Amino acid sequence: MGEKKNYRVSAMEAVIKAKCPRCRKGNLFPVFIMSYRRLSDINQVCPKCKETLVPEPDFYYGAMYISYAFSVALVVTVMVALNVLFERPALSTYLVSVVVANLLLLPLMLRYSKVLYLYAMGRISYDESISDR
């Protein structure tokens, strides 16, 4: 009756929630993922399992490529949406829409580029025995 059931966090859920790749419980970022405060900060070590989240100095520079891809995808999406919603949108409409969309989604794009880069290139494997603690 009082038995606590262990819930295993999937890799996709851990990525979406920006959790440590090793234990999938510790937060990668010291602040809420949509916060505009401390945009580039990432925890040096996982608060739960103490795994190093910055494998080497300047490791996250490679995340710029993912961030760039996010920005390109956002520009294309905004342009397609404007062309569907309006017959002939003005250039200023494109520019304002892209700038506003980038400002609104900046924390997500910057942080998720780091999350994806860490999961892809960080060489940190999930350890189920650690996540059970």
C-alpha atoms as a PDB file:
ATOM      1  CA  MET A   1       0.000   0.000   0.000  1.00  0.00           C
ATOM      2  CA  GLY A   2       2.716   2.512   0.956  1.00  0.00           C
ATOM      3  CA  GLU A   3       5.063   1.079  -1.665  1.00  0.00           C
ATOM      4  CA  LYS A   4       6.588   3.734  -3.899  1.00  0.00           C
ATOM      5  CA  LYS A   5       6.737   2.708  -7.546  1.00  0.00           C
ATOM      6  CA  ASN A   6       9.933   3.629  -9.399  1.00  0.00           C
ATOM      7  CA  TYR A   7       9.242   5.702 -12.469  1.00  0.00           C
ATOM      8  CA  ARG A   8      11.873   5.533 -15.192  1.00  0.00           C
ATOM      9  CA  VAL A   9      12.285   8.793 -17.089  1.00  0.00           C
ATOM     10  CA  SER A  10      12.649   8.331 -20.848  1.00  0.00           C
ATOM     11  CA  ALA A  11      15.444  10.059 -22.757  1.00  0.00           C
ATOM     12  CA  MET A  12      12.903  12.173 -24.668  1.00  0.00           C
ATOM     13  CA  GLU A  13      11.242  13.313 -21.433  1.00  0.00           C
ATOM     14  CA  ALA A  14      14.647  14.131 -19.931  1.00  0.00           C
ATOM     15  CA  VAL A  15      15.558  16.235 -22.986  1.00  0.00           C
ATOM     16  CA  ILE A  16      12.227  18.067 -22.941  1.00  0.00           C
ATOM     17  CA  LYS A  17      12.542  18.792 -19.220  1.00  0.00           C
ATOM     18  CA  ALA A  18      16.273  19.669 -19.592  1.00  0.00           C
ATOM     19  CA  LYS A  19      17.489  17.054 -17.128  1.00  0.00           C
ATOM     20  CA  CYS A  20      20.917  15.507 -16.616  1.00  0.00           C
ATOM     21  CA  PRO A  21      21.693  12.775 -19.180  1.00  0.00           C
ATOM     22  CA  ARG A  22      23.188  10.500 -16.516  1.00  0.00           C
ATOM     23  CA  CYS A  23      20.475  10.449 -13.817  1.00  0.00           C
ATOM     24  CA  ARG A  24      17.673  12.211 -15.741  1.00  0.00           C
ATOM     25  CA  LYS A  25      16.595  13.948 -12.544  1.00  0.00           C
ATOM     26  CA  GLY A  26      18.948  16.883 -11.958  1.00  0.00           C
ATOM     27  CA  ASN A  27      18.288  20.197 -13.720  1.00  0.00           C
ATOM     28  CA  LEU A  28      20.768  21.315 -16.356  1.00  0.00           C
ATOM     29  CA  PHE A  29      20.008  24.989 -15.773  1.00  0.00           C
ATOM     30  CA  PRO A  30      20.023  26.937 -12.496  1.00  0.00           C
ATOM     31  CA  VAL A  31      16.884  28.891 -13.494  1.00  0.00           C
ATOM     32  CA  PHE A  32      13.574  28.015 -15.187  1.00  0.00           C
ATOM     33  CA  ILE A  33      14.108  27.174 -18.867  1.00  0.00           C
ATOM     34  CA  MET A  34      11.898  30.048 -20.106  1.00  0.00           C
ATOM     35  CA  SER A  35      13.630  32.606 -17.886  1.00  0.00           C
ATOM     36  CA  TYR A  36      15.444  35.514 -19.499  1.00  0.00           C
ATOM     37  CA  ARG A  37      17.791  35.676 -16.500  1.00  0.00           C
ATOM     38  CA  ARG A  38      21.216  34.074 -16.860  1.00  0.00           C
ATOM     39  CA  LEU A  39      20.520  32.856 -20.399  1.00  0.00           C
ATOM     40  CA  SER A  40      23.889  31.249 -20.968  1.00  0.00           C
ATOM     41  CA  ASP A  41      24.349  29.651 -17.527  1.00  0.00           C
ATOM     42  CA  ILE A  42      24.368  25.886 -17.162  1.00  0.00           C
ATOM     43  CA  ASN A  43      25.075  23.964 -13.971  1.00  0.00           C
ATOM     44  CA  GLN A  44      28.717  22.845 -13.876  1.00  0.00           C
ATOM     45  CA  VAL A  45      27.701  19.607 -12.142  1.00  0.00           C
ATOM     46  CA  CYS A  46      24.362  17.853 -11.784  1.00  0.00           C
ATOM     47  CA  PRO A  47      22.705  18.778  -8.481  1.00  0.00           C
ATOM     48  CA  LYS A  48      21.491  15.164  -8.033  1.00  0.00           C
ATOM     49  CA  CYS A  49      24.244  12.791  -9.233  1.00  0.00           C
ATOM     50  CA  LYS A  50      27.230  15.212  -9.355  1.00  0.00           C
ATOM     51  CA  GLU A  51      28.022  14.344 -12.996  1.00  0.00           C
ATOM     52  CA  THR A  52      30.121  17.001 -14.753  1.00  0.00           C
ATOM     53  CA  LEU A  53      27.821  18.789 -17.209  1.00  0.00           C
ATOM     54  CA  VAL A  54      30.589  20.822 -18.820  1.00  0.00           C
ATOM     55  CA  PRO A  55      32.892  18.092 -20.183  1.00  0.00           C
ATOM     56  CA  GLU A  56      35.575  20.550 -21.306  1.00  0.00           C
ATOM     57  CA  PRO A  57      36.139  24.312 -21.484  1.00  0.00           C
ATOM     58  CA  ASP A  58      34.101  25.965 -24.243  1.00  0.00           C
ATOM     59  CA  PHE A  59      32.223  22.698 -24.849  1.00  0.00           C
ATOM     60  CA  TYR A  60      28.938  24.468 -25.587  1.00  0.00           C
ATOM     61  CA  TYR A  61      30.319  26.552 -28.460  1.00  0.00           C
ATOM     62  CA  GLY A  62      29.215  23.727 -30.743  1.00  0.00           C
ATOM     63  CA  ALA A  63      25.623  24.356 -29.646  1.00  0.00           C
ATOM     64  CA  MET A  64      25.717  27.534 -31.741  1.00  0.00           C
ATOM     65  CA  TYR A  65      25.124  25.417 -34.836  1.00  0.00           C
ATOM     66  CA  ILE A  66      21.957  23.979 -33.345  1.00  0.00           C
ATOM     67  CA  SER A  67      20.856  27.440 -32.226  1.00  0.00           C
ATOM     68  CA  TYR A  68      21.444  28.719 -35.749  1.00  0.00           C
ATOM     69  CA  ALA A  69      19.285  25.895 -37.154  1.00  0.00           C
ATOM     70  CA  PHE A  70      16.531  26.817 -34.679  1.00  0.00           C
ATOM     71  CA  SER A  71      16.718  30.460 -35.809  1.00  0.00           C
ATOM     72  CA  VAL A  72      16.542  29.535 -39.493  1.00  0.00           C
ATOM     73  CA  ALA A  73      13.570  27.253 -38.820  1.00  0.00           C
ATOM     74  CA  LEU A  74      11.847  30.058 -36.906  1.00  0.00           C
ATOM     75  CA  VAL A  75      12.381  32.574 -39.739  1.00  0.00           C
ATOM     76  CA  VAL A  76      11.035  30.121 -42.317  1.00  0.00           C
ATOM     77  CA  THR A  77       8.039  29.269 -40.119  1.00  0.00           C
ATOM     78  CA  VAL A  78       7.191  32.936 -39.539  1.00  0.00           C
ATOM     79  CA  MET A  79       7.492  33.721 -43.249  1.00  0.00           C
ATOM     80  CA  VAL A  80       5.263  30.798 -44.252  1.00  0.00           C
ATOM     81  CA  ALA A  81       2.702  31.706 -41.586  1.00  0.00           C
ATOM     82  CA  LEU A  82       2.597  35.336 -42.714  1.00  0.00           C
ATOM     83  CA  ASN A  83       2.199  34.303 -46.355  1.00  0.00           C
ATOM     84  CA  VAL A  84      -0.691  32.010 -45.416  1.00  0.00           C
ATOM     85  CA  LEU A  85      -2.415  34.581 -43.178  1.00  0.00           C
ATOM     86  CA  PHE A  86      -1.938  37.670 -45.365  1.00  0.00           C
ATOM     87  CA  GLU A  87      -2.125  38.075 -49.111  1.00  0.00           C
ATOM     88  CA  ARG A  88       0.905  40.343 -49.532  1.00  0.00           C
ATOM     89  CA  PRO A  89       2.566  41.183 -46.213  1.00  0.00           C
ATOM     90  CA  ALA A  90       4.890  44.175 -46.178  1.00  0.00           C
ATOM     91  CA  LEU A  91       8.614  43.739 -45.549  1.00  0.00           C
ATOM     92  CA  SER A  92       8.227  45.537 -42.224  1.00  0.00           C
ATOM     93  CA  THR A  93       5.659  42.897 -41.184  1.00  0.00           C
ATOM     94  CA  TYR A  94       8.214  40.160 -41.864  1.00  0.00           C
ATOM     95  CA  LEU A  95      10.955  41.963 -39.975  1.00  0.00           C
ATOM     96  CA  VAL A  96       8.861  42.839 -36.929  1.00  0.00           C
ATOM     97  CA  SER A  97       7.382  39.340 -36.763  1.00  0.00           C
ATOM     98  CA  VAL A  98      10.790  37.645 -36.952  1.00  0.00           C
ATOM     99  CA  VAL A  99      12.298  39.961 -34.327  1.00  0.00           C
ATOM    100  CA  VAL A 100       9.363  39.472 -31.933  1.00  0.00           C
ATOM    101  CA  ALA A 101       9.341  35.696 -32.420  1.00  0.00           C
ATOM    102  CA  ASN A 102      13.111  35.545 -31.814  1.00  0.00           C
ATOM    103  CA  LEU A 103      12.836  37.638 -28.656  1.00  0.00           C
ATOM    104  CA  LEU A 104      10.006  35.501 -27.296  1.00  0.00           C
ATOM    105  CA  LEU A 105      11.689  32.182 -28.059  1.00  0.00           C
ATOM    106  CA  LEU A 106      15.290  33.188 -27.314  1.00  0.00           C
ATOM    107  CA  PRO A 107      15.551  31.358 -23.958  1.00  0.00           C
ATOM    108  CA  LEU A 108      14.128  28.157 -25.434  1.00  0.00           C
ATOM    109  CA  MET A 109      16.326  28.208 -28.515  1.00  0.00           C
ATOM    110  CA  LEU A 110      19.539  28.959 -26.608  1.00  0.00           C
ATOM    111  CA  ARG A 111      18.920  26.453 -23.855  1.00  0.00           C
ATOM    112  CA  TYR A 112      17.556  23.598 -25.945  1.00  0.00           C
ATOM    113  CA  SER A 113      20.495  23.937 -28.308  1.00  0.00           C
ATOM    114  CA  LYS A 114      22.732  23.256 -25.286  1.00  0.00           C
ATOM    115  CA  VAL A 115      20.544  20.378 -24.105  1.00  0.00           C
ATOM    116  CA  LEU A 116      20.592  18.713 -27.518  1.00  0.00           C
ATOM    117  CA  TYR A 117      24.314  19.285 -27.911  1.00  0.00           C
ATOM    118  CA  LEU A 118      25.067  17.771 -24.490  1.00  0.00           C
ATOM    119  CA  TYR A 119      22.924  14.714 -25.195  1.00  0.00           C
ATOM    120  CA  ALA A 120      24.456  14.240 -28.664  1.00  0.00           C
ATOM    121  CA  MET A 121      28.106  15.066 -28.006  1.00  0.00           C
ATOM    122  CA  GLY A 122      28.595  14.921 -24.239  1.00  0.00           C
ATOM    123  CA  ARG A 123      29.297  11.179 -24.063  1.00  0.00           C
ATOM    124  CA  ILE A 124      27.342  10.895 -20.819  1.00  0.00           C
ATOM    125  CA  SER A 125      25.444   7.621 -20.572  1.00  0.00           C
ATOM    126  CA  TYR A 126      22.280   7.031 -18.612  1.00  0.00           C
ATOM    127  CA  ASP A 127      22.873   5.078 -15.399  1.00  0.00           C
ATOM    128  CA  GLU A 128      19.679   3.535 -14.087  1.00  0.00           C
ATOM    129  CA  SER A 129      21.280   2.611 -10.759  1.00  0.00           C
ATOM    130  CA  ILE A 130      22.008   6.299 -10.075  1.00  0.00           C
ATOM    131  CA  SER A 131      18.527   7.431 -11.085  1.00  0.00           C
ATOM    132  CA  ASP A 132      16.939   5.028  -8.570  1.00  0.00           C
ATOM    133  CA  ARG A 133      18.551   6.767  -5.594  1.00  0.00           C
END
